Amino acid sequence: MQSLINRQFDFMGKRRYAFIISVATLLISVVAILVLGLNLGLDFTGGTLVEVRYATAPALSAVRETLEAAGFKDVAVQTFGASTEVLIRLQQAFDAGVGDQVVDLLRQGGNSVDLVRAEFVGAQVGDQLRDQSGMGMLVALGVVVLYVAFRFQYKFAIGALLALGHDVFIVLGVFALFGFEFDLTVLAAVLAVIGYSLNDTIVVYDRIRENIRKSRIDDMPAIFNESINQTLSRTLATSGTTLLVVLALMILGGDMIHYFAVALFIGITVGTFSSIYVSAALLLPLKLQRADLMPAKKEDAEAEEELP
């Protein structure tokens, strides 16, 4: 039986189906972002943080239900360090007695609960973090475009930028569609996805560039297929092992980094798909040709001299 490494898949032959899937997913993501919006966490919106300490580890769902039943809205509950340390996020204005109020509610079930701290994260701080993080993402994308343009060619840069935008919008769209909380840890995961996806794209692009220069044919789809198949085992091995680690973080990492791991899982999965299908296939409508990668021939010095 022929191994996966030696098997040749016709990726470019199926590129239209891949484009349909990508465009449909991208449209759903954009609509979800525009219509539903991101469920911004306390880092961006401002609100109240209350940290409490239990004598024994509580059920986080019970803590959340108790506070919501008392009238608190947009309650986020997670462990903070030890399983008995609970961090409660309330997206509402800070009140001097909110910490004692939360503790009194949690003690009603007979639990031993102590207040550790109650702090306010102002909306101005949230706006500043949002603006700076957004600017950081734009700068990162700009540096990526310049790097690819200088290392390869501007058509490669356009393809890489579109593939990266495809990955980022789908991650954001999933978070908007399902209402997952979007905080600074998730933003860090999105930036990590940009770097991960770019790395895979550059590996494929580097092999495409090398094969175009070595090949004697001008059939770009055939060259792209050969290049993707040559890097496929590396791409799948890297993505597979990384996804195993991310899956472990999703299951065992706790609430603090759960959505960070979710964003990475979605981003790596989509990024692997875009590295195999989207980034290379985009070079076809961009009309990449052998001449784009061949250095201009130097004219013979004698031919440049004017005849007497």
C-alpha atoms as a PDB file:
ATOM      1  CA  MET A   1       0.000   0.000   0.000  1.00  0.00           C
ATOM      2  CA  GLN A   2       1.415   3.326  -1.031  1.00  0.00           C
ATOM      3  CA  SER A   3       2.364   5.505   1.920  1.00  0.00           C
ATOM      4  CA  LEU A   4       1.001   8.976   2.540  1.00  0.00           C
ATOM      5  CA  ILE A   5       4.434  10.457   1.907  1.00  0.00           C
ATOM      6  CA  ASN A   6       4.673   9.009  -1.594  1.00  0.00           C
ATOM      7  CA  ARG A   7       1.016   9.429  -2.566  1.00  0.00           C
ATOM      8  CA  GLN A   8       0.217  12.329  -4.874  1.00  0.00           C
ATOM      9  CA  PHE A   9      -2.985  14.262  -4.163  1.00  0.00           C
ATOM     10  CA  ASP A  10      -4.548  16.543  -6.748  1.00  0.00           C
ATOM     11  CA  PHE A  11      -5.050  19.551  -4.475  1.00  0.00           C
ATOM     12  CA  MET A  12      -5.254  22.082  -7.279  1.00  0.00           C
ATOM     13  CA  GLY A  13      -7.837  19.977  -9.086  1.00  0.00           C
ATOM     14  CA  LYS A  14     -10.114  20.357  -6.043  1.00  0.00           C
ATOM     15  CA  ARG A  15      -9.332  24.017  -5.473  1.00  0.00           C
ATOM     16  CA  ARG A  16     -12.795  25.190  -6.590  1.00  0.00           C
ATOM     17  CA  TYR A  17     -14.440  23.107  -3.867  1.00  0.00           C
ATOM     18  CA  ALA A  18     -11.910  24.435  -1.362  1.00  0.00           C
ATOM     19  CA  PHE A  19     -12.642  28.006  -2.457  1.00  0.00           C
ATOM     20  CA  ILE A  20     -16.390  27.425  -2.049  1.00  0.00           C
ATOM     21  CA  ILE A  21     -15.856  26.127   1.487  1.00  0.00           C
ATOM     22  CA  SER A  22     -13.490  28.997   2.328  1.00  0.00           C
ATOM     23  CA  VAL A  23     -15.731  31.721   0.895  1.00  0.00           C
ATOM     24  CA  ALA A  24     -18.859  30.322   2.585  1.00  0.00           C
ATOM     25  CA  THR A  25     -17.096  30.019   5.947  1.00  0.00           C
ATOM     26  CA  LEU A  26     -15.599  33.481   5.554  1.00  0.00           C
ATOM     27  CA  LEU A  27     -18.964  35.053   4.726  1.00  0.00           C
ATOM     28  CA  ILE A  28     -20.591  33.408   7.752  1.00  0.00           C
ATOM     29  CA  SER A  29     -17.739  34.663   9.934  1.00  0.00           C
ATOM     30  CA  VAL A  30     -17.944  38.239   8.652  1.00  0.00           C
ATOM     31  CA  VAL A  31     -21.736  38.324   9.081  1.00  0.00           C
ATOM     32  CA  ALA A  32     -21.413  36.940  12.628  1.00  0.00           C
ATOM     33  CA  ILE A  33     -18.806  39.572  13.521  1.00  0.00           C
ATOM     34  CA  LEU A  34     -20.875  42.438  12.065  1.00  0.00           C
ATOM     35  CA  VAL A  35     -24.294  41.298  13.310  1.00  0.00           C
ATOM     36  CA  LEU A  36     -23.599  39.490  16.571  1.00  0.00           C
ATOM     37  CA  GLY A  37     -20.298  41.128  17.465  1.00  0.00           C
ATOM     38  CA  LEU A  38     -17.582  39.748  19.711  1.00  0.00           C
ATOM     39  CA  ASN A  39     -18.377  38.958  23.318  1.00  0.00           C
ATOM     40  CA  LEU A  40     -15.625  41.192  24.691  1.00  0.00           C
ATOM     41  CA  GLY A  41     -14.222  40.243  28.039  1.00  0.00           C
ATOM     42  CA  LEU A  42     -13.546  42.440  31.037  1.00  0.00           C
ATOM     43  CA  ASP A  43     -10.116  43.352  29.647  1.00  0.00           C
ATOM     44  CA  PHE A  44     -11.844  45.367  26.928  1.00  0.00           C
ATOM     45  CA  THR A  45     -15.166  46.474  28.415  1.00  0.00           C
ATOM     46  CA  GLY A  46     -14.274  47.307  31.999  1.00  0.00           C
ATOM     47  CA  GLY A  47     -16.098  46.032  35.084  1.00  0.00           C
ATOM     48  CA  THR A  48     -15.485  44.393  38.436  1.00  0.00           C
ATOM     49  CA  LEU A  49     -13.159  41.617  39.560  1.00  0.00           C
ATOM     50  CA  VAL A  50     -13.937  39.727  42.763  1.00  0.00           C
ATOM     51  CA  GLU A  51     -11.580  37.038  44.045  1.00  0.00           C
ATOM     52  CA  VAL A  52     -12.819  34.709  46.776  1.00  0.00           C
ATOM     53  CA  ARG A  53     -11.324  31.751  48.630  1.00  0.00           C
ATOM     54  CA  TYR A  54     -13.342  28.627  49.483  1.00  0.00           C
ATOM     55  CA  ALA A  55     -12.494  26.095  52.161  1.00  0.00           C
ATOM     56  CA  THR A  56     -13.189  23.323  49.639  1.00  0.00           C
ATOM     57  CA  ALA A  57     -13.243  23.459  45.856  1.00  0.00           C
ATOM     58  CA  PRO A  58     -16.693  24.631  44.644  1.00  0.00           C
ATOM     59  CA  ALA A  59     -18.636  23.807  41.501  1.00  0.00           C
ATOM     60  CA  LEU A  60     -18.103  26.786  39.221  1.00  0.00           C
ATOM     61  CA  SER A  61     -21.484  26.321  37.565  1.00  0.00           C
ATOM     62  CA  ALA A  62     -23.196  26.584  40.974  1.00  0.00           C
ATOM     63  CA  VAL A  63     -21.293  29.808  41.754  1.00  0.00           C
ATOM     64  CA  ARG A  64     -22.340  31.308  38.425  1.00  0.00           C
ATOM     65  CA  GLU A  65     -26.001  30.276  38.870  1.00  0.00           C
ATOM     66  CA  THR A  66     -26.123  31.736  42.390  1.00  0.00           C
ATOM     67  CA  LEU A  67     -24.876  35.131  41.239  1.00  0.00           C
ATOM     68  CA  GLU A  68     -27.087  35.219  38.147  1.00  0.00           C
ATOM     69  CA  ALA A  69     -30.134  34.357  40.256  1.00  0.00           C
ATOM     70  CA  ALA A  70     -29.299  37.355  42.469  1.00  0.00           C
ATOM     71  CA  GLY A  71     -29.445  39.696  39.472  1.00  0.00           C
ATOM     72  CA  PHE A  72     -25.812  39.898  38.374  1.00  0.00           C
ATOM     73  CA  LYS A  73     -25.424  39.856  34.588  1.00  0.00           C
ATOM     74  CA  ASP A  74     -22.607  38.629  32.335  1.00  0.00           C
ATOM     75  CA  VAL A  75     -20.985  36.637  35.122  1.00  0.00           C
ATOM     76  CA  ALA A  76     -17.742  34.811  34.326  1.00  0.00           C
ATOM     77  CA  VAL A  77     -16.356  32.399  36.930  1.00  0.00           C
ATOM     78  CA  GLN A  78     -13.011  30.607  36.805  1.00  0.00           C
ATOM     79  CA  THR A  79     -10.465  29.097  39.121  1.00  0.00           C
ATOM     80  CA  PHE A  80      -7.413  31.231  39.843  1.00  0.00           C
ATOM     81  CA  GLY A  81      -4.392  29.154  40.780  1.00  0.00           C
ATOM     82  CA  ALA A  82      -5.656  26.603  43.298  1.00  0.00           C
ATOM     83  CA  SER A  83      -9.048  24.958  42.840  1.00  0.00           C
ATOM     84  CA  THR A  84     -10.314  26.770  45.962  1.00  0.00           C
ATOM     85  CA  GLU A  85      -9.408  30.210  44.583  1.00  0.00           C
ATOM     86  CA  VAL A  86     -12.225  31.552  42.424  1.00  0.00           C
ATOM     87  CA  LEU A  87     -12.084  34.658  40.244  1.00  0.00           C
ATOM     88  CA  ILE A  88     -15.453  36.242  39.445  1.00  0.00           C
ATOM     89  CA  ARG A  89     -15.789  38.778  36.629  1.00  0.00           C
ATOM     90  CA  LEU A  90     -18.795  41.084  36.602  1.00  0.00           C
ATOM     91  CA  GLN A  91     -19.377  43.358  33.631  1.00  0.00           C
ATOM     92  CA  GLN A  92     -20.989  46.140  35.629  1.00  0.00           C
ATOM     93  CA  ALA A  93     -20.059  49.334  37.435  1.00  0.00           C
ATOM     94  CA  PHE A  94     -17.936  48.956  40.548  1.00  0.00           C
ATOM     95  CA  ASP A  95     -19.555  49.357  43.940  1.00  0.00           C
ATOM     96  CA  ALA A  96     -17.612  49.588  47.195  1.00  0.00           C
ATOM     97  CA  GLY A  97     -19.672  46.819  48.783  1.00  0.00           C
ATOM     98  CA  VAL A  98     -19.882  44.471  45.801  1.00  0.00           C
ATOM     99  CA  GLY A  99     -17.220  42.137  47.213  1.00  0.00           C
ATOM    100  CA  ASP A 100     -19.071  41.681  50.512  1.00  0.00           C
ATOM    101  CA  GLN A 101     -22.340  41.292  48.627  1.00  0.00           C
ATOM    102  CA  VAL A 102     -20.922  38.492  46.485  1.00  0.00           C
ATOM    103  CA  VAL A 103     -19.434  36.717  49.515  1.00  0.00           C
ATOM    104  CA  ASP A 104     -22.733  36.927  51.453  1.00  0.00           C
ATOM    105  CA  LEU A 105     -24.573  35.360  48.506  1.00  0.00           C
ATOM    106  CA  LEU A 106     -22.053  32.524  48.209  1.00  0.00           C
ATOM    107  CA  ARG A 107     -22.199  31.830  51.967  1.00  0.00           C
ATOM    108  CA  GLN A 108     -25.957  31.238  51.880  1.00  0.00           C
ATOM    109  CA  GLY A 109     -25.471  27.629  50.850  1.00  0.00           C
ATOM    110  CA  GLY A 110     -23.410  26.979  53.975  1.00  0.00           C
ATOM    111  CA  ASN A 111     -20.071  27.374  52.202  1.00  0.00           C
ATOM    112  CA  SER A 112     -17.030  28.829  53.914  1.00  0.00           C
ATOM    113  CA  VAL A 113     -16.040  31.748  51.667  1.00  0.00           C
ATOM    114  CA  ASP A 114     -13.583  34.593  52.292  1.00  0.00           C
ATOM    115  CA  LEU A 115     -13.100  37.746  50.231  1.00  0.00           C
ATOM    116  CA  VAL A 116      -9.558  38.131  48.860  1.00  0.00           C
ATOM    117  CA  ARG A 117      -9.965  41.267  46.749  1.00  0.00           C
ATOM    118  CA  ALA A 118     -12.456  43.311  44.787  1.00  0.00           C
ATOM    119  CA  GLU A 119     -11.095  45.556  42.032  1.00  0.00           C
ATOM    120  CA  PHE A 120     -12.409  47.786  39.289  1.00  0.00           C
ATOM    121  CA  VAL A 121     -11.179  47.747  35.685  1.00  0.00           C
ATOM    122  CA  GLY A 122     -12.263  51.044  34.180  1.00  0.00           C
ATOM    123  CA  ALA A 123     -13.745  51.375  30.712  1.00  0.00           C
ATOM    124  CA  GLN A 124     -10.948  53.785  29.791  1.00  0.00           C
ATOM    125  CA  VAL A 125      -8.380  51.079  30.481  1.00  0.00           C
ATOM    126  CA  GLY A 126     -10.443  48.643  28.419  1.00  0.00           C
ATOM    127  CA  ASP A 127     -10.602  51.061  25.484  1.00  0.00           C
ATOM    128  CA  GLN A 128      -6.854  51.617  25.653  1.00  0.00           C
ATOM    129  CA  LEU A 129      -6.146  47.885  25.671  1.00  0.00           C
ATOM    130  CA  ARG A 130      -8.530  47.370  22.762  1.00  0.00           C
ATOM    131  CA  ASP A 131      -6.926  50.105  20.659  1.00  0.00           C
ATOM    132  CA  GLN A 132      -3.379  49.026  21.417  1.00  0.00           C
ATOM    133  CA  SER A 133      -4.113  45.360  20.771  1.00  0.00           C
ATOM    134  CA  GLY A 134      -5.840  46.166  17.474  1.00  0.00           C
ATOM    135  CA  MET A 135      -2.885  48.312  16.423  1.00  0.00           C
ATOM    136  CA  GLY A 136      -0.528  45.504  17.405  1.00  0.00           C
ATOM    137  CA  MET A 137      -2.386  43.092  15.128  1.00  0.00           C
ATOM    138  CA  LEU A 138      -2.261  45.524  12.203  1.00  0.00           C
ATOM    139  CA  VAL A 139       1.476  46.088  12.720  1.00  0.00           C
ATOM    140  CA  ALA A 140       2.058  42.333  12.844  1.00  0.00           C
ATOM    141  CA  LEU A 141       0.184  41.848   9.560  1.00  0.00           C
ATOM    142  CA  GLY A 142       2.103  44.726   7.972  1.00  0.00           C
ATOM    143  CA  VAL A 143       5.466  43.256   8.963  1.00  0.00           C
ATOM    144  CA  VAL A 144       4.357  39.879   7.595  1.00  0.00           C
ATOM    145  CA  VAL A 145       3.464  41.410   4.223  1.00  0.00           C
ATOM    146  CA  LEU A 146       6.799  43.228   3.960  1.00  0.00           C
ATOM    147  CA  TYR A 147       8.748  40.118   4.927  1.00  0.00           C
ATOM    148  CA  VAL A 148       7.054  37.898   2.342  1.00  0.00           C
ATOM    149  CA  ALA A 149       7.268  40.593  -0.357  1.00  0.00           C
ATOM    150  CA  PHE A 150      11.026  41.022   0.147  1.00  0.00           C
ATOM    151  CA  ARG A 151      11.808  37.327   0.568  1.00  0.00           C
ATOM    152  CA  PHE A 152       9.674  36.054  -2.316  1.00  0.00           C
ATOM    153  CA  GLN A 153       7.711  38.323  -4.643  1.00  0.00           C
ATOM    154  CA  TYR A 154       4.768  40.684  -4.282  1.00  0.00           C
ATOM    155  CA  LYS A 155       2.268  38.117  -5.620  1.00  0.00           C
ATOM    156  CA  PHE A 156       3.345  35.741  -2.871  1.00  0.00           C
ATOM    157  CA  ALA A 157       2.851  38.571  -0.357  1.00  0.00           C
ATOM    158  CA  ILE A 158      -0.696  39.191  -1.566  1.00  0.00           C
ATOM    159  CA  GLY A 159      -1.481  35.471  -1.360  1.00  0.00           C
ATOM    160  CA  ALA A 160      -0.030  35.195   2.144  1.00  0.00           C
ATOM    161  CA  LEU A 161      -1.948  38.262   3.341  1.00  0.00           C
ATOM    162  CA  LEU A 162      -5.251  36.960   1.976  1.00  0.00           C
ATOM    163  CA  ALA A 163      -4.639  33.529   3.525  1.00  0.00           C
ATOM    164  CA  LEU A 164      -3.806  35.099   6.901  1.00  0.00           C
ATOM    165  CA  GLY A 165      -6.897  37.305   6.756  1.00  0.00           C
ATOM    166  CA  HIS A 166      -8.927  34.191   5.931  1.00  0.00           C
ATOM    167  CA  ASP A 167      -7.618  32.413   9.053  1.00  0.00           C
ATOM    168  CA  VAL A 168      -8.056  35.380  11.413  1.00  0.00           C
ATOM    169  CA  PHE A 169     -11.598  36.215  10.300  1.00  0.00           C
ATOM    170  CA  ILE A 170     -12.735  32.612  10.679  1.00  0.00           C
ATOM    171  CA  VAL A 171     -11.354  32.423  14.233  1.00  0.00           C
ATOM    172  CA  LEU A 172     -13.056  35.708  15.134  1.00  0.00           C
ATOM    173  CA  GLY A 173     -16.237  34.572  13.381  1.00  0.00           C
ATOM    174  CA  VAL A 174     -16.453  31.365  15.410  1.00  0.00           C
ATOM    175  CA  PHE A 175     -16.071  33.368  18.625  1.00  0.00           C
ATOM    176  CA  ALA A 176     -18.776  35.800  17.522  1.00  0.00           C
ATOM    177  CA  LEU A 177     -21.131  33.053  16.321  1.00  0.00           C
ATOM    178  CA  PHE A 178     -20.999  31.003  19.524  1.00  0.00           C
ATOM    179  CA  GLY A 179     -20.616  33.925  21.926  1.00  0.00           C
ATOM    180  CA  PHE A 180     -17.274  32.783  23.348  1.00  0.00           C
ATOM    181  CA  GLU A 181     -15.604  35.382  25.547  1.00  0.00           C
ATOM    182  CA  PHE A 182     -12.925  37.336  23.704  1.00  0.00           C
ATOM    183  CA  ASP A 183     -10.228  38.672  26.026  1.00  0.00           C
ATOM    184  CA  LEU A 184      -6.518  39.411  25.847  1.00  0.00           C
ATOM    185  CA  THR A 185      -5.566  35.725  26.084  1.00  0.00           C
ATOM    186  CA  VAL A 186      -7.684  35.002  23.000  1.00  0.00           C
ATOM    187  CA  LEU A 187      -6.108  37.957  21.203  1.00  0.00           C
ATOM    188  CA  ALA A 188      -2.691  36.483  22.026  1.00  0.00           C
ATOM    189  CA  ALA A 189      -3.876  33.187  20.516  1.00  0.00           C
ATOM    190  CA  VAL A 190      -4.974  34.988  17.331  1.00  0.00           C
ATOM    191  CA  LEU A 191      -1.514  36.557  17.005  1.00  0.00           C
ATOM    192  CA  ALA A 192       0.024  33.119  17.557  1.00  0.00           C
ATOM    193  CA  VAL A 193      -2.201  31.737  14.792  1.00  0.00           C
ATOM    194  CA  ILE A 194      -0.885  34.432  12.443  1.00  0.00           C
ATOM    195  CA  GLY A 195       2.689  33.325  13.103  1.00  0.00           C
ATOM    196  CA  TYR A 196       1.850  29.627  12.857  1.00  0.00           C
ATOM    197  CA  SER A 197      -0.112  29.961   9.624  1.00  0.00           C
ATOM    198  CA  LEU A 198       2.581  32.171   8.095  1.00  0.00           C
ATOM    199  CA  ASN A 199       5.239  29.594   8.905  1.00  0.00           C
ATOM    200  CA  ASP A 200       3.310  26.855   7.081  1.00  0.00           C
ATOM    201  CA  THR A 201       2.589  29.170   4.144  1.00  0.00           C
ATOM    202  CA  ILE A 202       6.251  30.136   3.788  1.00  0.00           C
ATOM    203  CA  VAL A 203       7.293  26.472   3.739  1.00  0.00           C
ATOM    204  CA  VAL A 204       4.879  25.798   0.866  1.00  0.00           C
ATOM    205  CA  TYR A 205       5.826  29.010  -0.962  1.00  0.00           C
ATOM    206  CA  ASP A 206       9.523  28.264  -0.644  1.00  0.00           C
ATOM    207  CA  ARG A 207       9.045  24.850  -2.251  1.00  0.00           C
ATOM    208  CA  ILE A 208       6.840  26.357  -4.988  1.00  0.00           C
ATOM    209  CA  ARG A 209       9.500  28.943  -5.795  1.00  0.00           C
ATOM    210  CA  GLU A 210      12.212  26.294  -5.871  1.00  0.00           C
ATOM    211  CA  ASN A 211      10.213  23.958  -8.110  1.00  0.00           C
ATOM    212  CA  ILE A 212       9.274  26.727 -10.550  1.00  0.00           C
ATOM    213  CA  ARG A 213      12.937  27.596 -10.992  1.00  0.00           C
ATOM    214  CA  LYS A 214      13.965  23.955 -11.466  1.00  0.00           C
ATOM    215  CA  SER A 215      11.042  22.842 -13.609  1.00  0.00           C
ATOM    216  CA  ARG A 216      11.026  22.958 -17.393  1.00  0.00           C
ATOM    217  CA  ILE A 217       7.238  23.161 -17.657  1.00  0.00           C
ATOM    218  CA  ASP A 218       4.903  26.129 -17.309  1.00  0.00           C
ATOM    219  CA  ASP A 219       1.988  24.179 -15.844  1.00  0.00           C
ATOM    220  CA  MET A 220       1.568  26.099 -12.570  1.00  0.00           C
ATOM    221  CA  PRO A 221      -1.161  23.841 -11.084  1.00  0.00           C
ATOM    222  CA  ALA A 222       1.062  20.786 -11.604  1.00  0.00           C
ATOM    223  CA  ILE A 223       4.030  22.549  -9.982  1.00  0.00           C
ATOM    224  CA  PHE A 224       1.859  23.673  -7.049  1.00  0.00           C
ATOM    225  CA  ASN A 225       0.545  20.121  -6.583  1.00  0.00           C
ATOM    226  CA  GLU A 226       4.047  18.709  -6.535  1.00  0.00           C
ATOM    227  CA  SER A 227       5.202  21.331  -4.025  1.00  0.00           C
ATOM    228  CA  ILE A 228       2.272  20.803  -1.649  1.00  0.00           C
ATOM    229  CA  ASN A 229       2.681  17.016  -1.764  1.00  0.00           C
ATOM    230  CA  GLN A 230       6.392  17.356  -1.014  1.00  0.00           C
ATOM    231  CA  THR A 231       5.667  19.410   2.114  1.00  0.00           C
ATOM    232  CA  LEU A 232       2.453  17.592   3.124  1.00  0.00           C
ATOM    233  CA  SER A 233       4.007  15.132   5.569  1.00  0.00           C
ATOM    234  CA  ARG A 234       5.835  17.961   7.349  1.00  0.00           C
ATOM    235  CA  THR A 235       2.687  20.096   7.496  1.00  0.00           C
ATOM    236  CA  LEU A 236       0.484  17.315   8.862  1.00  0.00           C
ATOM    237  CA  ALA A 237       3.082  16.138  11.378  1.00  0.00           C
ATOM    238  CA  THR A 238       3.588  19.670  12.743  1.00  0.00           C
ATOM    239  CA  SER A 239      -0.124  20.469  12.870  1.00  0.00           C
ATOM    240  CA  GLY A 240      -1.054  17.091  14.337  1.00  0.00           C
ATOM    241  CA  THR A 241       1.420  17.209  17.214  1.00  0.00           C
ATOM    242  CA  THR A 242       0.552  20.850  17.960  1.00  0.00           C
ATOM    243  CA  LEU A 243      -3.177  20.077  17.994  1.00  0.00           C
ATOM    244  CA  LEU A 244      -2.605  17.267  20.484  1.00  0.00           C
ATOM    245  CA  VAL A 245      -0.948  19.705  22.890  1.00  0.00           C
ATOM    246  CA  VAL A 246      -3.677  22.314  22.353  1.00  0.00           C
ATOM    247  CA  LEU A 247      -6.367  19.670  22.893  1.00  0.00           C
ATOM    248  CA  ALA A 248      -4.751  18.755  26.213  1.00  0.00           C
ATOM    249  CA  LEU A 249      -4.818  22.429  27.209  1.00  0.00           C
ATOM    250  CA  MET A 250      -8.510  22.649  26.262  1.00  0.00           C
ATOM    251  CA  ILE A 251      -9.417  19.663  28.419  1.00  0.00           C
ATOM    252  CA  LEU A 252      -7.000  19.966  31.333  1.00  0.00           C
ATOM    253  CA  GLY A 253      -5.863  23.601  31.296  1.00  0.00           C
ATOM    254  CA  GLY A 254      -8.754  25.026  33.297  1.00  0.00           C
ATOM    255  CA  ASP A 255     -11.018  27.979  32.652  1.00  0.00           C
ATOM    256  CA  MET A 256      -8.204  30.528  32.695  1.00  0.00           C
ATOM    257  CA  ILE A 257      -6.767  29.392  29.349  1.00  0.00           C
ATOM    258  CA  HIS A 258      -9.721  27.456  27.929  1.00  0.00           C
ATOM    259  CA  TYR A 259     -10.688  29.968  25.240  1.00  0.00           C
ATOM    260  CA  PHE A 260      -7.019  30.617  24.503  1.00  0.00           C
ATOM    261  CA  ALA A 261      -6.724  26.922  23.634  1.00  0.00           C
ATOM    262  CA  VAL A 262     -10.014  26.999  21.691  1.00  0.00           C
ATOM    263  CA  ALA A 263      -8.761  29.883  19.545  1.00  0.00           C
ATOM    264  CA  LEU A 264      -5.484  28.051  18.883  1.00  0.00           C
ATOM    265  CA  PHE A 265      -7.300  24.838  17.996  1.00  0.00           C
ATOM    266  CA  ILE A 266      -9.555  26.599  15.481  1.00  0.00           C
ATOM    267  CA  GLY A 267      -6.697  28.696  14.098  1.00  0.00           C
ATOM    268  CA  ILE A 268      -4.297  25.783  13.600  1.00  0.00           C
ATOM    269  CA  THR A 269      -6.984  23.670  11.927  1.00  0.00           C
ATOM    270  CA  VAL A 270      -8.033  26.473   9.569  1.00  0.00           C
ATOM    271  CA  GLY A 271      -4.408  27.532   9.046  1.00  0.00           C
ATOM    272  CA  THR A 272      -3.418  24.034   7.964  1.00  0.00           C
ATOM    273  CA  PHE A 273      -6.291  23.982   5.476  1.00  0.00           C
ATOM    274  CA  SER A 274      -5.360  27.406   4.097  1.00  0.00           C
ATOM    275  CA  SER A 275      -1.671  26.490   3.811  1.00  0.00           C
ATOM    276  CA  ILE A 276      -2.540  23.418   1.748  1.00  0.00           C
ATOM    277  CA  TYR A 277      -5.337  24.846  -0.384  1.00  0.00           C
ATOM    278  CA  VAL A 278      -5.890  28.594  -0.094  1.00  0.00           C
ATOM    279  CA  SER A 279      -2.408  30.148  -0.091  1.00  0.00           C
ATOM    280  CA  ALA A 280      -1.116  28.177  -3.086  1.00  0.00           C
ATOM    281  CA  ALA A 281      -4.382  28.273  -5.054  1.00  0.00           C
ATOM    282  CA  LEU A 282      -4.526  32.067  -4.722  1.00  0.00           C
ATOM    283  CA  LEU A 283      -1.369  32.310  -6.806  1.00  0.00           C
ATOM    284  CA  LEU A 284      -3.325  31.096  -9.855  1.00  0.00           C
ATOM    285  CA  PRO A 285      -5.801  34.018 -10.067  1.00  0.00           C
ATOM    286  CA  LEU A 286      -2.841  36.289  -9.272  1.00  0.00           C
ATOM    287  CA  LYS A 287      -1.287  34.880 -12.485  1.00  0.00           C
ATOM    288  CA  LEU A 288       2.074  33.870 -11.051  1.00  0.00           C
ATOM    289  CA  GLN A 289       4.439  32.946 -13.890  1.00  0.00           C
ATOM    290  CA  ARG A 290       7.938  31.617 -14.225  1.00  0.00           C
ATOM    291  CA  ALA A 291       9.106  35.043 -15.450  1.00  0.00           C
ATOM    292  CA  ASP A 292       8.105  36.566 -12.090  1.00  0.00           C
ATOM    293  CA  LEU A 293      10.795  34.536 -10.335  1.00  0.00           C
ATOM    294  CA  MET A 294      13.523  34.600 -12.944  1.00  0.00           C
ATOM    295  CA  PRO A 295      16.192  37.291 -12.624  1.00  0.00           C
ATOM    296  CA  ALA A 296      16.427  39.698 -15.519  1.00  0.00           C
ATOM    297  CA  LYS A 297      19.155  38.709 -17.954  1.00  0.00           C
ATOM    298  CA  LYS A 298      22.094  41.019 -17.967  1.00  0.00           C
ATOM    299  CA  GLU A 299      22.844  42.488 -21.296  1.00  0.00           C
ATOM    300  CA  ASP A 300      26.177  41.761 -22.770  1.00  0.00           C
ATOM    301  CA  ALA A 301      28.586  44.546 -21.957  1.00  0.00           C
ATOM    302  CA  GLU A 302      29.770  44.765 -25.540  1.00  0.00           C
ATOM    303  CA  ALA A 303      26.189  45.100 -26.804  1.00  0.00           C
ATOM    304  CA  GLU A 304      25.726  48.130 -24.606  1.00  0.00           C
ATOM    305  CA  GLU A 305      28.619  49.917 -26.214  1.00  0.00           C
ATOM    306  CA  GLU A 306      27.729  52.157 -29.092  1.00  0.00           C
ATOM    307  CA  LEU A 307      29.284  51.361 -32.372  1.00  0.00           C
ATOM    308  CA  PRO A 308      31.738  54.011 -33.581  1.00  0.00           C
END
